[in-house]
Structure formats: structure tokens, C-alpha cells
Amino acid sequence: MSRNSFLTEVTEPYAEALMSLAKPHDLTDRFGEDVSFLLSLLNSSAELRQFLGSPIPQAEDKKQVLRQIAAEQLHPFMLSFLMLIVDRRRILFLEGICKQYQALLRQLNRTVLAEASSTVELTDEQRQTVIAKVQQMTGAEKVELQTNIDPELIGGVLIKVGSQVLDASIRGQLRRITNSLLKVAG
């Protein structure tokens, strides 16, 4: 079994359980905010990630730390969920569970995740243009856009939605021109 399939096998049931708790209480979006908060905590603190993933600290110590850093930010149901996954020794899968929940929430809300790479930060107008293009490509109602800077692009933008790639970068245009010239010359 590959590492990815093992992670999915562990994280999916917990994310689905979280979603099944959220739906009847109309908390799907609130839990979405909570998992984003948890992911930002994990991404900003390697020490926290290491502490939660380590088998050495006791479950009660992990629960106490989570209560101290997150109790005021999280819905009580989410905090209880965290305590449950600590007890079940699944807290080291927290990042995967959160990402899987986000994927379920996007599916529920008919939202797609798009990643736009450019050489400079996109303006609001450019972001709206990218979102409109992604909606046109996918038929999605909403687009969650993540942007990053890639100085190797020279200019333009590279948009990824799942396995689809729209290359509107200068580097991509140069590559296409080179390929067509080679075909003509060949």
C-alpha cells in the first residue's frame, strides 16, 4: 500500500465524520474556518507539528496544548473532535484530515481550488480575470484561488485546476512557438 493511499484511508473517514457532524448543525462553513485556522497553526509552527506527531508526549499533554492555543478560536464541537483524534492516536494525521475536510467542503459548495503562479503578485482585477477563466473552464459556482510567485515564468500566469493546466505564461508561449517552428522546419 502506498503512503498516499494509506493517508487517504486514515484521513477520509475522519473528515467525513467531521462533515457529517457539521451538516445537521449548519456548521460546515464554520468548521471550514476552523480547519483553515488549524492548518495555519501547523504551517507556522514546526515545533507544534513535531510535538503533536511525536509518540513521546502523553495524550493529556497534547490535549492541554491544543486547548491552550486553540480553544478560544475553535467551535466546541471542533475542539471535542481534536480531543477524540488525540485519544485515538490520530492527531499526527490532523493536517491530512483538515485538507480532506476542505476538499469535501469545496465539493459541497461546488467550489474548485485553483492555483495561479505569476512573476509578480496579481492585482484584484487580474485575480477576478483568473477566477472567471477558471469558472468558464470548470463550470464551478465558486473558485478558491491560491496564488504564488514563480520568477522562472518570465511573465504571464500559469493556472492549475486539479490535473488541468492553463499555461498563459511567456515561457509557455515561447515553448509553443519553438515547437511549431521545429515542426515547420522538420
C-alpha atoms as a PDB file:
ATOM      1  CA  MET A   1       0.000   0.000   0.000  1.00  0.00           C
ATOM      2  CA  SER A   2       1.442   3.372  -0.967  1.00  0.00           C
ATOM      3  CA  ARG A   3       1.890   6.143   1.576  1.00  0.00           C
ATOM      4  CA  ASN A   4      -0.742   8.318  -0.135  1.00  0.00           C
ATOM      5  CA  SER A   5      -3.383   5.592  -0.182  1.00  0.00           C
ATOM      6  CA  PHE A   6      -2.663   4.839   3.487  1.00  0.00           C
ATOM      7  CA  LEU A   7      -3.036   8.525   4.368  1.00  0.00           C
ATOM      8  CA  THR A   8      -6.287   8.732   2.436  1.00  0.00           C
ATOM      9  CA  GLU A   9      -7.560   5.576   4.122  1.00  0.00           C
ATOM     10  CA  VAL A  10      -6.915   7.167   7.521  1.00  0.00           C
ATOM     11  CA  THR A  11      -7.917  10.782   6.829  1.00  0.00           C
ATOM     12  CA  GLU A  12     -11.080  10.308   4.744  1.00  0.00           C
ATOM     13  CA  PRO A  13     -13.237   8.657   7.425  1.00  0.00           C
ATOM     14  CA  TYR A  14     -12.339  11.346   9.970  1.00  0.00           C
ATOM     15  CA  ALA A  15     -13.001  14.186   7.508  1.00  0.00           C
ATOM     16  CA  GLU A  16     -16.306  12.562   6.523  1.00  0.00           C
ATOM     17  CA  ALA A  17     -17.254  12.155  10.186  1.00  0.00           C
ATOM     18  CA  LEU A  18     -16.485  15.820  10.757  1.00  0.00           C
ATOM     19  CA  MET A  19     -18.649  16.752   7.766  1.00  0.00           C
ATOM     20  CA  SER A  20     -21.496  14.532   8.985  1.00  0.00           C
ATOM     21  CA  LEU A  21     -21.318  16.327  12.339  1.00  0.00           C
ATOM     22  CA  ALA A  22     -21.260  19.751  10.682  1.00  0.00           C
ATOM     23  CA  LYS A  23     -24.168  19.341   8.242  1.00  0.00           C
ATOM     24  CA  PRO A  24     -27.121  18.840  10.623  1.00  0.00           C
ATOM     25  CA  HIS A  25     -25.891  21.712  12.819  1.00  0.00           C
ATOM     26  CA  ASP A  26     -25.300  24.055   9.845  1.00  0.00           C
ATOM     27  CA  LEU A  27     -21.608  24.312  10.764  1.00  0.00           C
ATOM     28  CA  THR A  28     -19.950  23.283   7.501  1.00  0.00           C
ATOM     29  CA  ASP A  29     -18.517  26.739   6.794  1.00  0.00           C
ATOM     30  CA  ARG A  30     -17.607  27.343  10.438  1.00  0.00           C
ATOM     31  CA  PHE A  31     -15.691  24.047  10.502  1.00  0.00           C
ATOM     32  CA  GLY A  32     -14.058  25.149   7.250  1.00  0.00           C
ATOM     33  CA  GLU A  33     -12.791  28.253   9.053  1.00  0.00           C
ATOM     34  CA  ASP A  34     -11.640  26.105  11.971  1.00  0.00           C
ATOM     35  CA  VAL A  35      -9.659  23.696   9.783  1.00  0.00           C
ATOM     36  CA  SER A  36      -8.065  26.655   7.966  1.00  0.00           C
ATOM     37  CA  PHE A  37      -7.045  28.035  11.357  1.00  0.00           C
ATOM     38  CA  LEU A  38      -5.596  24.663  12.381  1.00  0.00           C
ATOM     39  CA  LEU A  39      -3.683  24.355   9.104  1.00  0.00           C
ATOM     40  CA  SER A  40      -2.217  27.830   9.572  1.00  0.00           C
ATOM     41  CA  LEU A  41      -1.134  26.854  13.100  1.00  0.00           C
ATOM     42  CA  LEU A  42       0.573  23.721  11.803  1.00  0.00           C
ATOM     43  CA  ASN A  43       2.212  25.590   8.922  1.00  0.00           C
ATOM     44  CA  SER A  44       3.516  28.369  11.154  1.00  0.00           C
ATOM     45  CA  SER A  45       4.939  26.138  13.882  1.00  0.00           C
ATOM     46  CA  ALA A  46       7.262  23.242  13.146  1.00  0.00           C
ATOM     47  CA  GLU A  47       7.514  22.716  16.911  1.00  0.00           C
ATOM     48  CA  LEU A  48       3.757  22.174  17.232  1.00  0.00           C
ATOM     49  CA  ARG A  49       3.743  19.814  14.262  1.00  0.00           C
ATOM     50  CA  GLN A  50       6.619  17.823  15.784  1.00  0.00           C
ATOM     51  CA  PHE A  51       5.044  17.792  19.273  1.00  0.00           C
ATOM     52  CA  LEU A  52       1.688  16.507  18.009  1.00  0.00           C
ATOM     53  CA  GLY A  53       3.304  13.904  15.752  1.00  0.00           C
ATOM     54  CA  SER A  54       5.636  12.548  18.398  1.00  0.00           C
ATOM     55  CA  PRO A  55       4.679   9.388  20.294  1.00  0.00           C
ATOM     56  CA  ILE A  56       6.596  10.564  23.384  1.00  0.00           C
ATOM     57  CA  PRO A  57       4.254  13.216  24.863  1.00  0.00           C
ATOM     58  CA  GLN A  58       1.214  11.835  26.661  1.00  0.00           C
ATOM     59  CA  ALA A  59      -2.261  12.332  25.197  1.00  0.00           C
ATOM     60  CA  GLU A  60      -3.234  14.625  28.081  1.00  0.00           C
ATOM     61  CA  ASP A  61      -0.226  16.856  27.372  1.00  0.00           C
ATOM     62  CA  LYS A  62      -1.227  17.133  23.718  1.00  0.00           C
ATOM     63  CA  LYS A  63      -4.821  17.929  24.701  1.00  0.00           C
ATOM     64  CA  GLN A  64      -3.662  20.617  27.121  1.00  0.00           C
ATOM     65  CA  VAL A  65      -1.502  22.289  24.462  1.00  0.00           C
ATOM     66  CA  LEU A  66      -4.345  22.200  21.935  1.00  0.00           C
ATOM     67  CA  ARG A  67      -6.750  23.692  24.484  1.00  0.00           C
ATOM     68  CA  GLN A  68      -4.282  26.482  25.314  1.00  0.00           C
ATOM     69  CA  ILE A  69      -3.570  27.521  21.731  1.00  0.00           C
ATOM     70  CA  ALA A  70      -6.894  26.864  20.031  1.00  0.00           C
ATOM     71  CA  ALA A  71      -9.838  26.593  22.437  1.00  0.00           C
ATOM     72  CA  GLU A  72     -10.903  30.229  22.075  1.00  0.00           C
ATOM     73  CA  GLN A  73     -10.720  30.092  18.263  1.00  0.00           C
ATOM     74  CA  LEU A  74     -12.494  26.775  17.648  1.00  0.00           C
ATOM     75  CA  HIS A  75     -16.129  25.759  17.850  1.00  0.00           C
ATOM     76  CA  PRO A  76     -16.652  23.442  20.867  1.00  0.00           C
ATOM     77  CA  PHE A  77     -17.530  20.533  18.527  1.00  0.00           C
ATOM     78  CA  MET A  78     -14.230  21.002  16.699  1.00  0.00           C
ATOM     79  CA  LEU A  79     -12.325  21.087  19.963  1.00  0.00           C
ATOM     80  CA  SER A  80     -14.055  17.855  21.027  1.00  0.00           C
ATOM     81  CA  PHE A  81     -13.122  16.329  17.676  1.00  0.00           C
ATOM     82  CA  LEU A  82      -9.467  17.248  18.286  1.00  0.00           C
ATOM     83  CA  MET A  83      -9.585  15.598  21.701  1.00  0.00           C
ATOM     84  CA  LEU A  84     -11.073  12.473  20.107  1.00  0.00           C
ATOM     85  CA  ILE A  85      -8.335  12.177  17.496  1.00  0.00           C
ATOM     86  CA  VAL A  86      -5.710  12.650  20.212  1.00  0.00           C
ATOM     87  CA  ASP A  87      -7.297   9.778  22.163  1.00  0.00           C
ATOM     88  CA  ARG A  88      -7.356   7.621  19.037  1.00  0.00           C
ATOM     89  CA  ARG A  89      -3.704   8.429  18.307  1.00  0.00           C
ATOM     90  CA  ARG A  90      -4.618  10.046  15.005  1.00  0.00           C
ATOM     91  CA  ILE A  91      -3.554  13.615  15.803  1.00  0.00           C
ATOM     92  CA  LEU A  92      -0.476  13.175  13.607  1.00  0.00           C
ATOM     93  CA  PHE A  93      -2.918  12.994  10.672  1.00  0.00           C
ATOM     94  CA  LEU A  94      -4.520  16.351  11.576  1.00  0.00           C
ATOM     95  CA  GLU A  95      -3.157  18.153   8.510  1.00  0.00           C
ATOM     96  CA  GLY A  96      -4.468  15.463   6.157  1.00  0.00           C
ATOM     97  CA  ILE A  97      -7.847  15.382   7.890  1.00  0.00           C
ATOM     98  CA  CYS A  98      -8.141  19.159   7.603  1.00  0.00           C
ATOM     99  CA  LYS A  99      -7.199  19.158   3.916  1.00  0.00           C
ATOM    100  CA  GLN A 100      -9.640  16.334   3.233  1.00  0.00           C
ATOM    101  CA  TYR A 101     -12.399  18.269   5.029  1.00  0.00           C
ATOM    102  CA  GLN A 102     -11.620  21.302   2.868  1.00  0.00           C
ATOM    103  CA  ALA A 103     -11.953  19.119  -0.240  1.00  0.00           C
ATOM    104  CA  LEU A 104     -15.348  17.841   0.984  1.00  0.00           C
ATOM    105  CA  LEU A 105     -16.460  21.391   1.733  1.00  0.00           C
ATOM    106  CA  ARG A 106     -15.420  22.555  -1.746  1.00  0.00           C
ATOM    107  CA  GLN A 107     -17.387  19.671  -3.253  1.00  0.00           C
ATOM    108  CA  LEU A 108     -20.438  20.532  -1.137  1.00  0.00           C
ATOM    109  CA  ASN A 109     -20.245  24.203  -2.120  1.00  0.00           C
ATOM    110  CA  ARG A 110     -19.435  23.473  -5.783  1.00  0.00           C
ATOM    111  CA  THR A 111     -16.127  25.258  -5.399  1.00  0.00           C
ATOM    112  CA  VAL A 112     -12.898  24.403  -7.176  1.00  0.00           C
ATOM    113  CA  LEU A 113      -9.398  25.045  -5.937  1.00  0.00           C
ATOM    114  CA  ALA A 114      -7.193  26.820  -8.449  1.00  0.00           C
ATOM    115  CA  GLU A 115      -3.534  27.708  -8.153  1.00  0.00           C
ATOM    116  CA  ALA A 116      -2.178  30.671 -10.096  1.00  0.00           C
ATOM    117  CA  SER A 117       1.567  31.200 -10.460  1.00  0.00           C
ATOM    118  CA  SER A 118       2.915  34.502 -11.736  1.00  0.00           C
ATOM    119  CA  THR A 119       6.125  36.521 -11.596  1.00  0.00           C
ATOM    120  CA  VAL A 120       4.516  39.264  -9.504  1.00  0.00           C
ATOM    121  CA  GLU A 121       1.555  39.463  -7.130  1.00  0.00           C
ATOM    122  CA  LEU A 122      -1.732  39.548  -9.046  1.00  0.00           C
ATOM    123  CA  THR A 123      -3.885  42.670  -8.809  1.00  0.00           C
ATOM    124  CA  ASP A 124      -7.517  42.337  -7.775  1.00  0.00           C
ATOM    125  CA  GLU A 125      -8.569  42.786 -11.399  1.00  0.00           C
ATOM    126  CA  GLN A 126      -6.177  40.042 -12.540  1.00  0.00           C
ATOM    127  CA  ARG A 127      -7.424  37.745  -9.770  1.00  0.00           C
ATOM    128  CA  GLN A 128     -11.019  38.284 -10.940  1.00  0.00           C
ATOM    129  CA  THR A 129      -9.984  37.528 -14.534  1.00  0.00           C
ATOM    130  CA  VAL A 130      -8.313  34.280 -13.433  1.00  0.00           C
ATOM    131  CA  ILE A 131     -11.381  33.319 -11.363  1.00  0.00           C
ATOM    132  CA  ALA A 132     -13.682  33.985 -14.330  1.00  0.00           C
ATOM    133  CA  LYS A 133     -11.463  31.878 -16.612  1.00  0.00           C
ATOM    134  CA  VAL A 134     -11.449  29.009 -14.094  1.00  0.00           C
ATOM    135  CA  GLN A 135     -15.246  29.179 -13.773  1.00  0.00           C
ATOM    136  CA  GLN A 136     -15.510  29.062 -17.556  1.00  0.00           C
ATOM    137  CA  MET A 137     -13.133  26.056 -17.707  1.00  0.00           C
ATOM    138  CA  THR A 138     -14.787  24.069 -14.926  1.00  0.00           C
ATOM    139  CA  GLY A 139     -18.390  25.230 -14.641  1.00  0.00           C
ATOM    140  CA  ALA A 140     -17.864  25.727 -10.897  1.00  0.00           C
ATOM    141  CA  GLU A 141     -20.009  28.197  -8.985  1.00  0.00           C
ATOM    142  CA  LYS A 142     -17.101  29.404  -6.844  1.00  0.00           C
ATOM    143  CA  VAL A 143     -13.331  29.419  -7.126  1.00  0.00           C
ATOM    144  CA  GLU A 144     -10.890  29.308  -4.239  1.00  0.00           C
ATOM    145  CA  LEU A 145      -7.736  30.898  -5.665  1.00  0.00           C
ATOM    146  CA  GLN A 146      -4.280  30.336  -4.212  1.00  0.00           C
ATOM    147  CA  THR A 147      -1.527  32.459  -5.693  1.00  0.00           C
ATOM    148  CA  ASN A 148       2.223  32.136  -5.612  1.00  0.00           C
ATOM    149  CA  ILE A 149       5.201  33.891  -7.136  1.00  0.00           C
ATOM    150  CA  ASP A 150       7.359  31.989  -9.649  1.00  0.00           C
ATOM    151  CA  PRO A 151      10.169  34.164 -11.061  1.00  0.00           C
ATOM    152  CA  GLU A 152      11.045  31.475 -13.630  1.00  0.00           C
ATOM    153  CA  LEU A 153       7.861  32.203 -15.603  1.00  0.00           C
ATOM    154  CA  ILE A 154       9.334  35.399 -17.134  1.00  0.00           C
ATOM    155  CA  GLY A 155       5.801  36.840 -17.336  1.00  0.00           C
ATOM    156  CA  GLY A 156       2.165  35.875 -17.635  1.00  0.00           C
ATOM    157  CA  VAL A 157       0.357  33.338 -15.473  1.00  0.00           C
ATOM    158  CA  LEU A 158       0.171  29.565 -15.053  1.00  0.00           C
ATOM    159  CA  ILE A 159      -3.168  28.259 -13.750  1.00  0.00           C
ATOM    160  CA  LYS A 160      -3.640  24.762 -12.310  1.00  0.00           C
ATOM    161  CA  VAL A 161      -7.045  23.287 -11.507  1.00  0.00           C
ATOM    162  CA  GLY A 162      -6.711  19.668 -10.441  1.00  0.00           C
ATOM    163  CA  SER A 163      -4.863  17.968 -13.286  1.00  0.00           C
ATOM    164  CA  GLN A 164      -5.730  20.699 -15.816  1.00  0.00           C
ATOM    165  CA  VAL A 165      -3.109  23.339 -16.595  1.00  0.00           C
ATOM    166  CA  LEU A 166      -3.695  26.581 -18.480  1.00  0.00           C
ATOM    167  CA  ASP A 167      -0.306  27.978 -19.431  1.00  0.00           C
ATOM    168  CA  ALA A 168      -0.596  31.669 -20.284  1.00  0.00           C
ATOM    169  CA  SER A 169       2.998  32.360 -19.311  1.00  0.00           C
ATOM    170  CA  ILE A 170       5.607  33.844 -21.611  1.00  0.00           C
ATOM    171  CA  ARG A 171       7.769  30.770 -21.030  1.00  0.00           C
ATOM    172  CA  GLY A 172       4.876  28.572 -22.212  1.00  0.00           C
ATOM    173  CA  GLN A 173       4.264  30.773 -25.241  1.00  0.00           C
ATOM    174  CA  LEU A 174       7.953  30.608 -26.179  1.00  0.00           C
ATOM    175  CA  ARG A 175       7.885  26.819 -25.819  1.00  0.00           C
ATOM    176  CA  ARG A 176       4.827  26.567 -28.099  1.00  0.00           C
ATOM    177  CA  ILE A 177       6.445  28.852 -30.711  1.00  0.00           C
ATOM    178  CA  THR A 178       9.645  26.781 -30.605  1.00  0.00           C
ATOM    179  CA  ASN A 179       7.678  23.542 -31.050  1.00  0.00           C
ATOM    180  CA  SER A 180       5.717  24.915 -34.008  1.00  0.00           C
ATOM    181  CA  LEU A 181       8.912  26.217 -35.641  1.00  0.00           C
ATOM    182  CA  LEU A 182      10.551  22.825 -35.185  1.00  0.00           C
ATOM    183  CA  LYS A 183       7.549  21.125 -36.826  1.00  0.00           C
ATOM    184  CA  VAL A 184       7.689  23.507 -39.791  1.00  0.00           C
ATOM    185  CA  ALA A 185      11.460  23.125 -40.143  1.00  0.00           C
ATOM    186  CA  GLY A 186      11.401  19.363 -39.506  1.00  0.00           C
END
